[in-house]
């Protein structure tokens, strides 16, 4: 039996410290993750989202008593053109 985790994905504006402040997307996109192996998950929003500056992707676990593990690239390397500057988990 595969574990299934539902997550809500939002896009947020960020402040000068790149901390998420207000949601750009009022309705989250929902992704369903299953299986126990690492994989890339694509998320699609119903309405197109336009951003003109820095933004944050916020992932919210929407399944009780399940742990969501997230992997990401090296924030200090510029190889990928992506840097993570703020990480928060609860």
C-alpha atoms as a PDB file:
ATOM      1  CA  UNK A   1       0.000   0.000   0.000  1.00  0.00           C
ATOM      2  CA  UNK A   2       1.393   3.382  -0.988  1.00  0.00           C
ATOM      3  CA  UNK A   3       1.363   6.355   1.328  1.00  0.00           C
ATOM      4  CA  UNK A   4      -0.552   9.283  -0.141  1.00  0.00           C
ATOM      5  CA  UNK A   5       0.078  12.872   0.947  1.00  0.00           C
ATOM      6  CA  UNK A   6      -1.996  15.809  -0.294  1.00  0.00           C
ATOM      7  CA  UNK A   7      -0.284  19.196  -0.285  1.00  0.00           C
ATOM      8  CA  UNK A   8      -1.420  22.725  -1.032  1.00  0.00           C
ATOM      9  CA  UNK A   9       0.995  24.841  -3.066  1.00  0.00           C
ATOM     10  CA  UNK A  10       0.845  28.653  -2.981  1.00  0.00           C
ATOM     11  CA  UNK A  11       2.881  31.465  -4.537  1.00  0.00           C
ATOM     12  CA  UNK A  12       3.667  34.326  -2.137  1.00  0.00           C
ATOM     13  CA  UNK A  13       5.151  37.817  -2.316  1.00  0.00           C
ATOM     14  CA  UNK A  14       8.293  38.205  -0.213  1.00  0.00           C
ATOM     15  CA  UNK A  15       9.763  41.003   1.879  1.00  0.00           C
ATOM     16  CA  UNK A  16      13.314  42.402   1.699  1.00  0.00           C
ATOM     17  CA  UNK A  17      14.599  39.338   3.583  1.00  0.00           C
ATOM     18  CA  UNK A  18      12.822  37.021   1.106  1.00  0.00           C
ATOM     19  CA  UNK A  19      10.395  35.903   3.813  1.00  0.00           C
ATOM     20  CA  UNK A  20       6.903  35.098   2.447  1.00  0.00           C
ATOM     21  CA  UNK A  21       4.386  37.835   3.262  1.00  0.00           C
ATOM     22  CA  UNK A  22       1.115  37.720   1.312  1.00  0.00           C
ATOM     23  CA  UNK A  23      -0.281  35.139  -1.056  1.00  0.00           C
ATOM     24  CA  UNK A  24      -0.339  35.970  -4.768  1.00  0.00           C
ATOM     25  CA  UNK A  25      -2.528  32.918  -5.370  1.00  0.00           C
ATOM     26  CA  UNK A  26      -5.647  32.929  -3.216  1.00  0.00           C
ATOM     27  CA  UNK A  27      -6.572  29.375  -4.183  1.00  0.00           C
ATOM     28  CA  UNK A  28      -3.825  26.792  -3.804  1.00  0.00           C
ATOM     29  CA  UNK A  29      -2.926  24.180  -6.325  1.00  0.00           C
ATOM     30  CA  UNK A  30      -3.303  20.704  -4.871  1.00  0.00           C
ATOM     31  CA  UNK A  31      -0.761  17.989  -5.533  1.00  0.00           C
ATOM     32  CA  UNK A  32      -1.094  14.346  -4.554  1.00  0.00           C
ATOM     33  CA  UNK A  33       2.184  12.607  -3.741  1.00  0.00           C
ATOM     34  CA  UNK A  34       2.439   8.853  -3.516  1.00  0.00           C
ATOM     35  CA  UNK A  35       5.145   6.256  -3.130  1.00  0.00           C
ATOM     36  CA  UNK A  36       8.294   6.238  -1.106  1.00  0.00           C
ATOM     37  CA  UNK A  37      10.920   7.246  -3.649  1.00  0.00           C
ATOM     38  CA  UNK A  38      12.250  10.682  -4.475  1.00  0.00           C
ATOM     39  CA  UNK A  39      10.535  12.190  -7.472  1.00  0.00           C
ATOM     40  CA  UNK A  40       9.859  15.485  -9.176  1.00  0.00           C
ATOM     41  CA  UNK A  41       6.288  16.722  -8.804  1.00  0.00           C
ATOM     42  CA  UNK A  42       4.793  19.272 -11.203  1.00  0.00           C
ATOM     43  CA  UNK A  43       2.085  21.586  -9.899  1.00  0.00           C
ATOM     44  CA  UNK A  44      -0.324  23.494 -12.124  1.00  0.00           C
ATOM     45  CA  UNK A  45      -2.457  26.466 -11.053  1.00  0.00           C
ATOM     46  CA  UNK A  46      -5.980  26.882 -12.449  1.00  0.00           C
ATOM     47  CA  UNK A  47      -5.401  30.575 -13.159  1.00  0.00           C
ATOM     48  CA  UNK A  48      -2.129  31.823 -14.616  1.00  0.00           C
ATOM     49  CA  UNK A  49       0.166  33.516 -12.111  1.00  0.00           C
ATOM     50  CA  UNK A  50       2.228  36.559 -12.990  1.00  0.00           C
ATOM     51  CA  UNK A  51       5.158  37.714 -10.868  1.00  0.00           C
ATOM     52  CA  UNK A  52       7.515  40.601 -11.513  1.00  0.00           C
ATOM     53  CA  UNK A  53      10.023  40.195  -8.702  1.00  0.00           C
ATOM     54  CA  UNK A  54      11.129  37.747  -6.076  1.00  0.00           C
ATOM     55  CA  UNK A  55       8.530  35.252  -4.905  1.00  0.00           C
ATOM     56  CA  UNK A  56       8.195  32.194  -2.706  1.00  0.00           C
ATOM     57  CA  UNK A  57       6.681  28.783  -3.262  1.00  0.00           C
ATOM     58  CA  UNK A  58       4.870  27.688  -0.103  1.00  0.00           C
ATOM     59  CA  UNK A  59       4.069  24.000   0.333  1.00  0.00           C
ATOM     60  CA  UNK A  60       1.557  23.039   3.002  1.00  0.00           C
ATOM     61  CA  UNK A  61       1.030  19.436   4.070  1.00  0.00           C
ATOM     62  CA  UNK A  62      -2.722  18.847   3.949  1.00  0.00           C
ATOM     63  CA  UNK A  63      -2.728  15.266   5.269  1.00  0.00           C
ATOM     64  CA  UNK A  64      -2.889  14.640   8.997  1.00  0.00           C
ATOM     65  CA  UNK A  65      -0.379  12.295  10.631  1.00  0.00           C
ATOM     66  CA  UNK A  66       1.841  12.175   7.539  1.00  0.00           C
ATOM     67  CA  UNK A  67       5.326  13.603   7.160  1.00  0.00           C
ATOM     68  CA  UNK A  68       6.253  15.420   3.953  1.00  0.00           C
ATOM     69  CA  UNK A  69       9.974  15.320   3.142  1.00  0.00           C
ATOM     70  CA  UNK A  70      11.196  17.978   0.725  1.00  0.00           C
ATOM     71  CA  UNK A  71      14.546  17.989  -1.019  1.00  0.00           C
ATOM     72  CA  UNK A  72      16.018  21.011  -2.765  1.00  0.00           C
ATOM     73  CA  UNK A  73      19.137  22.110  -4.577  1.00  0.00           C
ATOM     74  CA  UNK A  74      22.181  23.614  -2.906  1.00  0.00           C
ATOM     75  CA  UNK A  75      21.196  27.152  -1.934  1.00  0.00           C
ATOM     76  CA  UNK A  76      24.807  28.360  -1.893  1.00  0.00           C
ATOM     77  CA  UNK A  77      25.612  27.201  -5.431  1.00  0.00           C
ATOM     78  CA  UNK A  78      24.664  29.334  -8.410  1.00  0.00           C
ATOM     79  CA  UNK A  79      24.919  26.398 -10.796  1.00  0.00           C
ATOM     80  CA  UNK A  80      21.165  25.983 -11.120  1.00  0.00           C
ATOM     81  CA  UNK A  81      20.259  29.673 -11.190  1.00  0.00           C
ATOM     82  CA  UNK A  82      18.069  29.088  -8.132  1.00  0.00           C
ATOM     83  CA  UNK A  83      18.902  30.049  -4.602  1.00  0.00           C
ATOM     84  CA  UNK A  84      16.829  29.307  -1.565  1.00  0.00           C
ATOM     85  CA  UNK A  85      17.066  32.167   0.854  1.00  0.00           C
ATOM     86  CA  UNK A  86      14.343  31.356   3.393  1.00  0.00           C
ATOM     87  CA  UNK A  87      13.303  27.991   4.785  1.00  0.00           C
ATOM     88  CA  UNK A  88      10.650  27.547   7.475  1.00  0.00           C
ATOM     89  CA  UNK A  89       9.028  24.379   8.692  1.00  0.00           C
ATOM     90  CA  UNK A  90       6.716  23.518  11.516  1.00  0.00           C
END
